[in-house]
Amino acid sequence: MPLTPLDIHNKEFKRSLRGYNEDEVNDFLDRIIKDYEGLIRQHKELEERCAQLEEQVNHFKMMEDSLSK
């Protein structure tokens, strides 16, 4: 199953004495979530555009078949 922005947001990391700065990690995860959401949105738009273009191609193929008959 693909990773979702909510999965990234809810990810918990173990704390250690010499671990990473928690605020820096959270800021970076916020940037990742924002970019990931943008990519998901762009992917959906491209899929929709692809479907539209496939419909147009099918329409033109039908026109071509009609003209050739």
C-alpha atoms as a PDB file:
ATOM      1  CA  MET A   1       0.000   0.000   0.000  1.00  0.00           C
ATOM      2  CA  PRO A   2       1.445   3.408  -0.934  1.00  0.00           C
ATOM      3  CA  LEU A   3       2.548   5.878   1.683  1.00  0.00           C
ATOM      4  CA  THR A   4       0.110   8.749   2.295  1.00  0.00           C
ATOM      5  CA  PRO A   5       0.758  12.256   3.605  1.00  0.00           C
ATOM      6  CA  LEU A   6      -1.146  11.241   6.742  1.00  0.00           C
ATOM      7  CA  ASP A   7       1.249   8.299   7.235  1.00  0.00           C
ATOM      8  CA  ILE A   8       4.177  10.728   7.097  1.00  0.00           C
ATOM      9  CA  HIS A   9       2.458  13.117   9.481  1.00  0.00           C
ATOM     10  CA  ASN A  10       1.691  10.372  12.011  1.00  0.00           C
ATOM     11  CA  LYS A  11       5.131   8.743  11.890  1.00  0.00           C
ATOM     12  CA  GLU A  12       6.722   8.565  15.334  1.00  0.00           C
ATOM     13  CA  PHE A  13      10.465   8.225  15.846  1.00  0.00           C
ATOM     14  CA  LYS A  14      12.233   6.853  18.891  1.00  0.00           C
ATOM     15  CA  ARG A  15      13.997   9.396  21.068  1.00  0.00           C
ATOM     16  CA  SER A  16      17.577   8.966  22.142  1.00  0.00           C
ATOM     17  CA  LEU A  17      20.037  10.986  24.160  1.00  0.00           C
ATOM     18  CA  ARG A  18      22.006  12.122  21.131  1.00  0.00           C
ATOM     19  CA  GLY A  19      19.155  12.006  18.647  1.00  0.00           C
ATOM     20  CA  TYR A  20      18.166  14.481  15.982  1.00  0.00           C
ATOM     21  CA  ASN A  21      16.649  17.869  16.755  1.00  0.00           C
ATOM     22  CA  GLU A  22      12.923  17.145  16.970  1.00  0.00           C
ATOM     23  CA  ASP A  23      11.891  20.545  15.568  1.00  0.00           C
ATOM     24  CA  GLU A  24      14.158  20.155  12.540  1.00  0.00           C
ATOM     25  CA  VAL A  25      12.786  16.679  11.857  1.00  0.00           C
ATOM     26  CA  ASN A  26       9.189  17.922  12.155  1.00  0.00           C
ATOM     27  CA  ASP A  27       9.873  20.896   9.867  1.00  0.00           C
ATOM     28  CA  PHE A  28      11.442  18.602   7.297  1.00  0.00           C
ATOM     29  CA  LEU A  29       8.533  16.145   7.501  1.00  0.00           C
ATOM     30  CA  ASP A  30       6.119  19.061   6.982  1.00  0.00           C
ATOM     31  CA  ARG A  31       7.993  20.008   3.796  1.00  0.00           C
ATOM     32  CA  ILE A  32       7.891  16.391   2.620  1.00  0.00           C
ATOM     33  CA  ILE A  33       4.130  16.212   3.272  1.00  0.00           C
ATOM     34  CA  LYS A  34       3.534  19.423   1.305  1.00  0.00           C
ATOM     35  CA  ASP A  35       5.603  18.225  -1.664  1.00  0.00           C
ATOM     36  CA  TYR A  36       4.061  14.750  -1.555  1.00  0.00           C
ATOM     37  CA  GLU A  37       0.533  16.164  -1.551  1.00  0.00           C
ATOM     38  CA  GLY A  38       1.478  18.299  -4.564  1.00  0.00           C
ATOM     39  CA  LEU A  39       2.789  15.261  -6.404  1.00  0.00           C
ATOM     40  CA  ILE A  40      -0.352  13.273  -5.627  1.00  0.00           C
ATOM     41  CA  ARG A  41      -2.509  16.143  -6.912  1.00  0.00           C
ATOM     42  CA  GLN A  42      -0.375  16.499 -10.059  1.00  0.00           C
ATOM     43  CA  HIS A  43      -0.517  12.748 -10.685  1.00  0.00           C
ATOM     44  CA  LYS A  44      -4.318  12.769 -10.438  1.00  0.00           C
ATOM     45  CA  GLU A  45      -4.539  15.704 -12.869  1.00  0.00           C
ATOM     46  CA  LEU A  46      -2.253  13.915 -15.333  1.00  0.00           C
ATOM     47  CA  GLU A  47      -4.321  10.728 -15.094  1.00  0.00           C
ATOM     48  CA  GLU A  48      -7.474  12.733 -15.829  1.00  0.00           C
ATOM     49  CA  ARG A  49      -5.798  14.471 -18.776  1.00  0.00           C
ATOM     50  CA  CYS A  50      -4.593  11.124 -20.095  1.00  0.00           C
ATOM     51  CA  ALA A  51      -8.136   9.743 -19.935  1.00  0.00           C
ATOM     52  CA  GLN A  52      -9.423  12.791 -21.853  1.00  0.00           C
ATOM     53  CA  LEU A  53      -6.795  12.337 -24.543  1.00  0.00           C
ATOM     54  CA  GLU A  54      -7.584   8.623 -24.832  1.00  0.00           C
ATOM     55  CA  GLU A  55     -11.244   9.524 -25.382  1.00  0.00           C
ATOM     56  CA  GLN A  56     -10.235  11.956 -28.121  1.00  0.00           C
ATOM     57  CA  VAL A  57      -8.047   9.346 -29.792  1.00  0.00           C
ATOM     58  CA  ASN A  58     -10.910   6.841 -29.726  1.00  0.00           C
ATOM     59  CA  HIS A  59     -13.242   9.455 -31.204  1.00  0.00           C
ATOM     60  CA  PHE A  60     -10.824  10.167 -34.050  1.00  0.00           C
ATOM     61  CA  LYS A  61     -10.297   6.458 -34.672  1.00  0.00           C
ATOM     62  CA  MET A  62     -14.053   6.032 -35.015  1.00  0.00           C
ATOM     63  CA  MET A  63     -14.154   8.969 -37.433  1.00  0.00           C
ATOM     64  CA  GLU A  64     -11.300   7.449 -39.407  1.00  0.00           C
ATOM     65  CA  ASP A  65     -13.108   4.098 -39.610  1.00  0.00           C
ATOM     66  CA  SER A  66     -16.290   5.827 -40.765  1.00  0.00           C
ATOM     67  CA  LEU A  67     -14.455   7.772 -43.438  1.00  0.00           C
ATOM     68  CA  SER A  68     -12.617   4.729 -44.722  1.00  0.00           C
ATOM     69  CA  LYS A  69     -15.911   2.822 -45.153  1.00  0.00           C
END
